[in-house]
Structure formats: C-alpha cells, structure tokens
Amino acid sequence: MAGSWGCPHEANDLCSKVNNLPCDPGMKGCVLHGRFVFANDDKNERLRQKKAREEAVGTTPPPSSAEFP
C-alpha cells in the first residue's frame, strides 16, 4: 500500500475482499472500483459507463449532502 490512506481489506499487500489478489486500488471487486476517479485512466471505465447511462436517460443523481454547507 502506498499513500496516506489505509484499506481495511488489505493485509500484507493482498486484498482479502478480492480472493487475496495483490492489492490494486480500483481493480474490479475493490470497494473503490467505480466510485472514485483514478490517475490511471484504465480504472475509470466503470465511472465513464455510469455517466454515459445517466446522460442517455437524462437524469443525474441528486447532489450529496456533502456538497452543501
């Protein structure tokens, strides 16, 4: 793990949530997959697909309460 965050599913550089595969934040099955934008654009495909579906339907999700004071 690198950076300033810690994943509760990572132990000894392995992901206990994804069949004890090497931890790769944003990989398919990861709790972060499709929820955040990553610097590695390959990991953002699910987020792009979700946005395209929302635009096709013409709806956008309601803003989160964190956006308002």
PDB file of N, CA and C in Angstrom:
ATOM      1  N   MET A   1       0.848  -1.178   0.000  1.00  0.00           N
ATOM      2  CA  MET A   1       0.000   0.000   0.000  1.00  0.00           C
ATOM      3  C   MET A   1       0.887   1.232   0.000  1.00  0.00           C
ATOM      4  N   ALA A   2       0.537   2.167  -0.835  1.00  0.00           N
ATOM      5  CA  ALA A   2       1.272   3.423  -0.883  1.00  0.00           C
ATOM      6  C   ALA A   2       0.293   4.567  -0.719  1.00  0.00           C
ATOM      7  N   GLY A   3       0.730   5.640  -0.164  1.00  0.00           N
ATOM      8  CA  GLY A   3      -0.146   6.802   0.002  1.00  0.00           C
ATOM      9  C   GLY A   3      -0.513   7.018   1.454  1.00  0.00           C
ATOM     10  N   SER A   4      -1.502   7.865   1.651  1.00  0.00           N
ATOM     11  CA  SER A   4      -1.852   8.237   3.021  1.00  0.00           C
ATOM     12  C   SER A   4      -3.189   7.659   3.458  1.00  0.00           C
ATOM     13  N   TRP A   5      -3.672   6.651   2.800  1.00  0.00           N
ATOM     14  CA  TRP A   5      -4.920   6.035   3.217  1.00  0.00           C
ATOM     15  C   TRP A   5      -4.672   4.567   3.512  1.00  0.00           C
ATOM     16  N   GLY A   6      -5.583   3.954   4.191  1.00  0.00           N
ATOM     17  CA  GLY A   6      -5.445   2.544   4.506  1.00  0.00           C
ATOM     18  C   GLY A   6      -6.736   1.816   4.202  1.00  0.00           C
ATOM     19  N   CYS A   7      -6.640   0.712   3.523  1.00  0.00           N
ATOM     20  CA  CYS A   7      -7.813  -0.085   3.181  1.00  0.00           C
ATOM     21  C   CYS A   7      -7.994  -1.182   4.229  1.00  0.00           C
ATOM     22  N   PRO A   8      -9.195  -1.326   4.765  1.00  0.00           N
ATOM     23  CA  PRO A   8      -9.414  -2.365   5.774  1.00  0.00           C
ATOM     24  C   PRO A   8      -9.333  -3.779   5.206  1.00  0.00           C
ATOM     25  N   HIS A   9      -9.368  -3.918   3.882  1.00  0.00           N
ATOM     26  CA  HIS A   9      -9.313  -5.233   3.258  1.00  0.00           C
ATOM     27  C   HIS A   9      -7.901  -5.653   2.884  1.00  0.00           C
ATOM     28  N   GLU A  10      -6.930  -4.763   3.040  1.00  0.00           N
ATOM     29  CA  GLU A  10      -5.554  -5.077   2.663  1.00  0.00           C
ATOM     30  C   GLU A  10      -4.782  -5.628   3.855  1.00  0.00           C
ATOM     31  N   ALA A  11      -4.123  -6.733   3.627  1.00  0.00           N
ATOM     32  CA  ALA A  11      -3.247  -7.334   4.630  1.00  0.00           C
ATOM     33  C   ALA A  11      -2.054  -7.931   3.898  1.00  0.00           C
ATOM     34  N   ASN A  12      -0.866  -7.503   4.267  1.00  0.00           N
ATOM     35  CA  ASN A  12       0.366  -7.994   3.637  1.00  0.00           C
ATOM     36  C   ASN A  12       0.342  -7.797   2.120  1.00  0.00           C
ATOM     37  N   ASP A  13      -0.110  -6.641   1.682  1.00  0.00           N
ATOM     38  CA  ASP A  13      -0.195  -6.276   0.258  1.00  0.00           C
ATOM     39  C   ASP A  13      -1.152  -7.153  -0.544  1.00  0.00           C
ATOM     40  N   LEU A  14      -2.061  -7.863   0.126  1.00  0.00           N
ATOM     41  CA  LEU A  14      -3.064  -8.679  -0.537  1.00  0.00           C
ATOM     42  C   LEU A  14      -4.455  -8.176  -0.154  1.00  0.00           C
ATOM     43  N   CYS A  15      -5.414  -8.319  -1.062  1.00  0.00           N
ATOM     44  CA  CYS A  15      -6.781  -7.871  -0.808  1.00  0.00           C
ATOM     45  C   CYS A  15      -7.615  -9.049  -0.317  1.00  0.00           C
ATOM     46  N   SER A  16      -8.078  -8.981   0.916  1.00  0.00           N
ATOM     47  CA  SER A  16      -8.884 -10.072   1.468  1.00  0.00           C
ATOM     48  C   SER A  16     -10.295 -10.081   0.890  1.00  0.00           C
ATOM     49  N   LYS A  17     -10.716  -8.983   0.278  1.00  0.00           N
ATOM     50  CA  LYS A  17     -12.039  -8.915  -0.344  1.00  0.00           C
ATOM     51  C   LYS A  17     -12.044  -9.551  -1.735  1.00  0.00           C
ATOM     52  N   VAL A  18     -10.926  -9.479  -2.450  1.00  0.00           N
ATOM     53  CA  VAL A  18     -10.839  -9.983  -3.823  1.00  0.00           C
ATOM     54  C   VAL A  18      -9.889 -11.181  -3.876  1.00  0.00           C
ATOM     55  N   ASN A  19     -10.288 -12.275  -3.277  1.00  0.00           N
ATOM     56  CA  ASN A  19      -9.572 -13.563  -3.367  1.00  0.00           C
ATOM     57  C   ASN A  19      -8.085 -13.499  -3.045  1.00  0.00           C
ATOM     58  N   ASN A  20      -7.696 -12.636  -2.150  1.00  0.00           N
ATOM     59  CA  ASN A  20      -6.298 -12.484  -1.752  1.00  0.00           C
ATOM     60  C   ASN A  20      -5.367 -12.201  -2.929  1.00  0.00           C
ATOM     61  N   LEU A  21      -5.872 -11.449  -3.911  1.00  0.00           N
ATOM     62  CA  LEU A  21      -5.034 -10.999  -5.016  1.00  0.00           C
ATOM     63  C   LEU A  21      -4.192  -9.824  -4.547  1.00  0.00           C
ATOM     64  N   PRO A  22      -3.103  -9.521  -5.239  1.00  0.00           N
ATOM     65  CA  PRO A  22      -2.305  -8.349  -4.855  1.00  0.00           C
ATOM     66  C   PRO A  22      -3.186  -7.096  -4.854  1.00  0.00           C
ATOM     67  N   CYS A  23      -3.064  -6.289  -3.819  1.00  0.00           N
ATOM     68  CA  CYS A  23      -3.880  -5.088  -3.667  1.00  0.00           C
ATOM     69  C   CYS A  23      -3.567  -4.102  -4.796  1.00  0.00           C
ATOM     70  N   ASP A  24      -4.617  -3.722  -5.513  1.00  0.00           N
ATOM     71  CA  ASP A  24      -4.522  -2.750  -6.595  1.00  0.00           C
ATOM     72  C   ASP A  24      -5.759  -1.860  -6.489  1.00  0.00           C
ATOM     73  N   PRO A  25      -5.678  -0.748  -5.763  1.00  0.00           N
ATOM     74  CA  PRO A  25      -6.856   0.098  -5.539  1.00  0.00           C
ATOM     75  C   PRO A  25      -7.577   0.421  -6.847  1.00  0.00           C
ATOM     76  N   GLY A  26      -8.867   0.127  -6.877  1.00  0.00           N
ATOM     77  CA  GLY A  26      -9.675   0.393  -8.051  1.00  0.00           C
ATOM     78  C   GLY A  26      -9.890  -0.807  -8.945  1.00  0.00           C
ATOM     79  N   MET A  27      -9.224  -1.944  -8.653  1.00  0.00           N
ATOM     80  CA  MET A  27      -9.423  -3.127  -9.502  1.00  0.00           C
ATOM     81  C   MET A  27     -10.865  -3.617  -9.343  1.00  0.00           C
ATOM     82  N   LYS A  28     -11.329  -4.370 -10.318  1.00  0.00           N
ATOM     83  CA  LYS A  28     -12.682  -4.904 -10.271  1.00  0.00           C
ATOM     84  C   LYS A  28     -12.852  -5.726  -8.996  1.00  0.00           C
ATOM     85  N   GLY A  29     -13.906  -5.439  -8.258  1.00  0.00           N
ATOM     86  CA  GLY A  29     -14.162  -6.104  -6.991  1.00  0.00           C
ATOM     87  C   GLY A  29     -13.744  -5.267  -5.792  1.00  0.00           C
ATOM     88  N   CYS A  30     -12.875  -4.299  -6.021  1.00  0.00           N
ATOM     89  CA  CYS A  30     -12.414  -3.410  -4.948  1.00  0.00           C
ATOM     90  C   CYS A  30     -13.562  -2.487  -4.536  1.00  0.00           C
ATOM     91  N   VAL A  31     -13.647  -2.157  -3.259  1.00  0.00           N
ATOM     92  CA  VAL A  31     -14.692  -1.263  -2.785  1.00  0.00           C
ATOM     93  C   VAL A  31     -14.576   0.126  -3.406  1.00  0.00           C
ATOM     94  N   LEU A  32     -13.431   0.468  -3.969  1.00  0.00           N
ATOM     95  CA  LEU A  32     -13.235   1.765  -4.602  1.00  0.00           C
ATOM     96  C   LEU A  32     -13.596   1.755  -6.083  1.00  0.00           C
ATOM     97  N   HIS A  33     -13.746   0.577  -6.672  1.00  0.00           N
ATOM     98  CA  HIS A  33     -13.979   0.430  -8.115  1.00  0.00           C
ATOM     99  C   HIS A  33     -15.260   1.144  -8.529  1.00  0.00           C
ATOM    100  N   GLY A  34     -15.123   2.101  -9.452  1.00  0.00           N
ATOM    101  CA  GLY A  34     -16.274   2.818  -9.982  1.00  0.00           C
ATOM    102  C   GLY A  34     -16.808   3.924  -9.107  1.00  0.00           C
ATOM    103  N   ARG A  35     -16.177   4.183  -7.985  1.00  0.00           N
ATOM    104  CA  ARG A  35     -16.662   5.211  -7.070  1.00  0.00           C
ATOM    105  C   ARG A  35     -15.795   6.457  -7.072  1.00  0.00           C
ATOM    106  N   PHE A  36     -14.566   6.327  -7.507  1.00  0.00           N
ATOM    107  CA  PHE A  36     -13.627   7.437  -7.475  1.00  0.00           C
ATOM    108  C   PHE A  36     -12.885   7.529  -8.800  1.00  0.00           C
ATOM    109  N   VAL A  37     -12.363   8.701  -9.093  1.00  0.00           N
ATOM    110  CA  VAL A  37     -11.574   8.903 -10.304  1.00  0.00           C
ATOM    111  C   VAL A  37     -10.116   8.640  -9.953  1.00  0.00           C
ATOM    112  N   PHE A  38      -9.449   7.827 -10.785  1.00  0.00           N
ATOM    113  CA  PHE A  38      -8.058   7.465 -10.559  1.00  0.00           C
ATOM    114  C   PHE A  38      -7.161   8.123 -11.596  1.00  0.00           C
ATOM    115  N   ALA A  39      -5.911   8.305 -11.259  1.00  0.00           N
ATOM    116  CA  ALA A  39      -4.943   8.862 -12.199  1.00  0.00           C
ATOM    117  C   ALA A  39      -4.736   7.910 -13.371  1.00  0.00           C
ATOM    118  N   ASN A  40      -4.798   6.613 -13.126  1.00  0.00           N
ATOM    119  CA  ASN A  40      -4.703   5.602 -14.174  1.00  0.00           C
ATOM    120  C   ASN A  40      -6.078   5.523 -14.852  1.00  0.00           C
ATOM    121  N   ASP A  41      -6.185   6.056 -16.060  1.00  0.00           N
ATOM    122  CA  ASP A  41      -7.470   6.170 -16.742  1.00  0.00           C
ATOM    123  C   ASP A  41      -8.126   4.819 -17.022  1.00  0.00           C
ATOM    124  N   ASP A  42      -7.361   3.746 -17.084  1.00  0.00           N
ATOM    125  CA  ASP A  42      -7.934   2.417 -17.313  1.00  0.00           C
ATOM    126  C   ASP A  42      -8.893   2.024 -16.196  1.00  0.00           C
ATOM    127  N   LYS A  43      -8.693   2.553 -15.010  1.00  0.00           N
ATOM    128  CA  LYS A  43      -9.525   2.209 -13.863  1.00  0.00           C
ATOM    129  C   LYS A  43     -10.812   3.035 -13.805  1.00  0.00           C
ATOM    130  N   ASN A  44     -10.979   3.972 -14.726  1.00  0.00           N
ATOM    131  CA  ASN A  44     -12.141   4.856 -14.699  1.00  0.00           C
ATOM    132  C   ASN A  44     -13.245   4.421 -15.663  1.00  0.00           C
ATOM    133  N   GLU A  45     -13.115   3.262 -16.288  1.00  0.00           N
ATOM    134  CA  GLU A  45     -14.092   2.816 -17.282  1.00  0.00           C
ATOM    135  C   GLU A  45     -15.487   2.690 -16.684  1.00  0.00           C
ATOM    136  N   ARG A  46     -15.622   2.094 -15.530  1.00  0.00           N
ATOM    137  CA  ARG A  46     -16.938   1.903 -14.921  1.00  0.00           C
ATOM    138  C   ARG A  46     -17.589   3.249 -14.625  1.00  0.00           C
ATOM    139  N   LEU A  47     -16.801   4.211 -14.177  1.00  0.00           N
ATOM    140  CA  LEU A  47     -17.329   5.535 -13.891  1.00  0.00           C
ATOM    141  C   LEU A  47     -17.812   6.207 -15.181  1.00  0.00           C
ATOM    142  N   ARG A  48     -17.066   6.046 -16.275  1.00  0.00           N
ATOM    143  CA  ARG A  48     -17.472   6.609 -17.576  1.00  0.00           C
ATOM    144  C   ARG A  48     -18.761   5.962 -18.062  1.00  0.00           C
ATOM    145  N   GLN A  49     -18.895   4.654 -17.896  1.00  0.00           N
ATOM    146  CA  GLN A  49     -20.103   3.954 -18.333  1.00  0.00           C
ATOM    147  C   GLN A  49     -21.315   4.437 -17.539  1.00  0.00           C
ATOM    148  N   LYS A  50     -21.157   4.609 -16.252  1.00  0.00           N
ATOM    149  CA  LYS A  50     -22.253   5.078 -15.407  1.00  0.00           C
ATOM    150  C   LYS A  50     -22.690   6.476 -15.835  1.00  0.00           C
ATOM    151  N   LYS A  51     -21.744   7.351 -16.105  1.00  0.00           N
ATOM    152  CA  LYS A  51     -22.057   8.712 -16.528  1.00  0.00           C
ATOM    153  C   LYS A  51     -22.765   8.710 -17.886  1.00  0.00           C
ATOM    154  N   ALA A  52     -22.324   7.865 -18.811  1.00  0.00           N
ATOM    155  CA  ALA A  52     -22.951   7.776 -20.128  1.00  0.00           C
ATOM    156  C   ALA A  52     -24.400   7.303 -20.010  1.00  0.00           C
ATOM    157  N   ARG A  53     -24.665   6.326 -19.130  1.00  0.00           N
ATOM    158  CA  ARG A  53     -26.038   5.862 -18.924  1.00  0.00           C
ATOM    159  C   ARG A  53     -26.914   6.975 -18.369  1.00  0.00           C
ATOM    160  N   GLU A  54     -26.391   7.727 -17.401  1.00  0.00           N
ATOM    161  CA  GLU A  54     -27.156   8.818 -16.807  1.00  0.00           C
ATOM    162  C   GLU A  54     -27.473   9.891 -17.841  1.00  0.00           C
ATOM    163  N   GLU A  55     -26.516  10.202 -18.708  1.00  0.00           N
ATOM    164  CA  GLU A  55     -26.736  11.213 -19.738  1.00  0.00           C
ATOM    165  C   GLU A  55     -27.736  10.719 -20.776  1.00  0.00           C
ATOM    166  N   ALA A  56     -27.714   9.425 -21.093  1.00  0.00           N
ATOM    167  CA  ALA A  56     -28.641   8.869 -22.073  1.00  0.00           C
ATOM    168  C   ALA A  56     -30.080   8.917 -21.557  1.00  0.00           C
ATOM    169  N   VAL A  57     -30.257   8.694 -20.283  1.00  0.00           N
ATOM    170  CA  VAL A  57     -31.580   8.720 -19.683  1.00  0.00           C
ATOM    171  C   VAL A  57     -32.012  10.158 -19.415  1.00  0.00           C
ATOM    172  N   GLY A  58     -31.046  11.037 -19.267  1.00  0.00           N
ATOM    173  CA  GLY A  58     -31.363  12.434 -18.999  1.00  0.00           C
ATOM    174  C   GLY A  58     -31.547  12.738 -17.532  1.00  0.00           C
ATOM    175  N   THR A  59     -31.070  11.842 -16.701  1.00  0.00           N
ATOM    176  CA  THR A  59     -31.171  12.081 -15.265  1.00  0.00           C
ATOM    177  C   THR A  59     -29.789  12.155 -14.668  1.00  0.00           C
ATOM    178  N   THR A  60     -29.689  12.874 -13.618  1.00  0.00           N
ATOM    179  CA  THR A  60     -28.453  12.915 -12.856  1.00  0.00           C
ATOM    180  C   THR A  60     -28.791  12.594 -11.422  1.00  0.00           C
ATOM    181  N   PRO A  61     -27.894  11.970 -10.715  1.00  0.00           N
ATOM    182  CA  PRO A  61     -28.180  11.634  -9.319  1.00  0.00           C
ATOM    183  C   PRO A  61     -28.302  12.902  -8.490  1.00  0.00           C
ATOM    184  N   PRO A  62     -29.078  12.848  -7.427  1.00  0.00           N
ATOM    185  CA  PRO A  62     -29.195  14.045  -6.574  1.00  0.00           C
ATOM    186  C   PRO A  62     -27.857  14.384  -5.942  1.00  0.00           C
ATOM    187  N   PRO A  63     -27.605  15.661  -5.687  1.00  0.00           N
ATOM    188  CA  PRO A  63     -26.332  16.041  -5.070  1.00  0.00           C
ATOM    189  C   PRO A  63     -26.233  15.468  -3.658  1.00  0.00           C
ATOM    190  N   SER A  64     -25.030  15.148  -3.280  1.00  0.00           N
ATOM    191  CA  SER A  64     -24.844  14.624  -1.927  1.00  0.00           C
ATOM    192  C   SER A  64     -24.918  15.760  -0.927  1.00  0.00           C
ATOM    193  N   SER A  65     -25.226  15.436   0.282  1.00  0.00           N
ATOM    194  CA  SER A  65     -25.336  16.457   1.308  1.00  0.00           C
ATOM    195  C   SER A  65     -23.981  17.083   1.624  1.00  0.00           C
ATOM    196  N   ALA A  66     -22.884  16.407   1.230  1.00  0.00           N
ATOM    197  CA  ALA A  66     -21.552  16.931   1.485  1.00  0.00           C
ATOM    198  C   ALA A  66     -21.255  18.157   0.617  1.00  0.00           C
ATOM    199  N   GLU A  67     -22.019  18.338  -0.464  1.00  0.00           N
ATOM    200  CA  GLU A  67     -21.778  19.466  -1.363  1.00  0.00           C
ATOM    201  C   GLU A  67     -22.364  20.766  -0.824  1.00  0.00           C
ATOM    202  N   PHE A  68     -23.240  20.644   0.151  1.00  0.00           N
ATOM    203  CA  PHE A  68     -23.885  21.832   0.706  1.00  0.00           C
ATOM    204  C   PHE A  68     -23.456  22.036   2.154  1.00  0.00           C
ATOM    205  N   PRO A  69     -23.276  23.281   2.550  1.00  0.00           N
ATOM    206  CA  PRO A  69     -22.864  23.541   3.946  1.00  0.00           C
ATOM    207  C   PRO A  69     -23.950  23.227   4.937  1.00  0.00           C
TER     208      PRO A  69
END
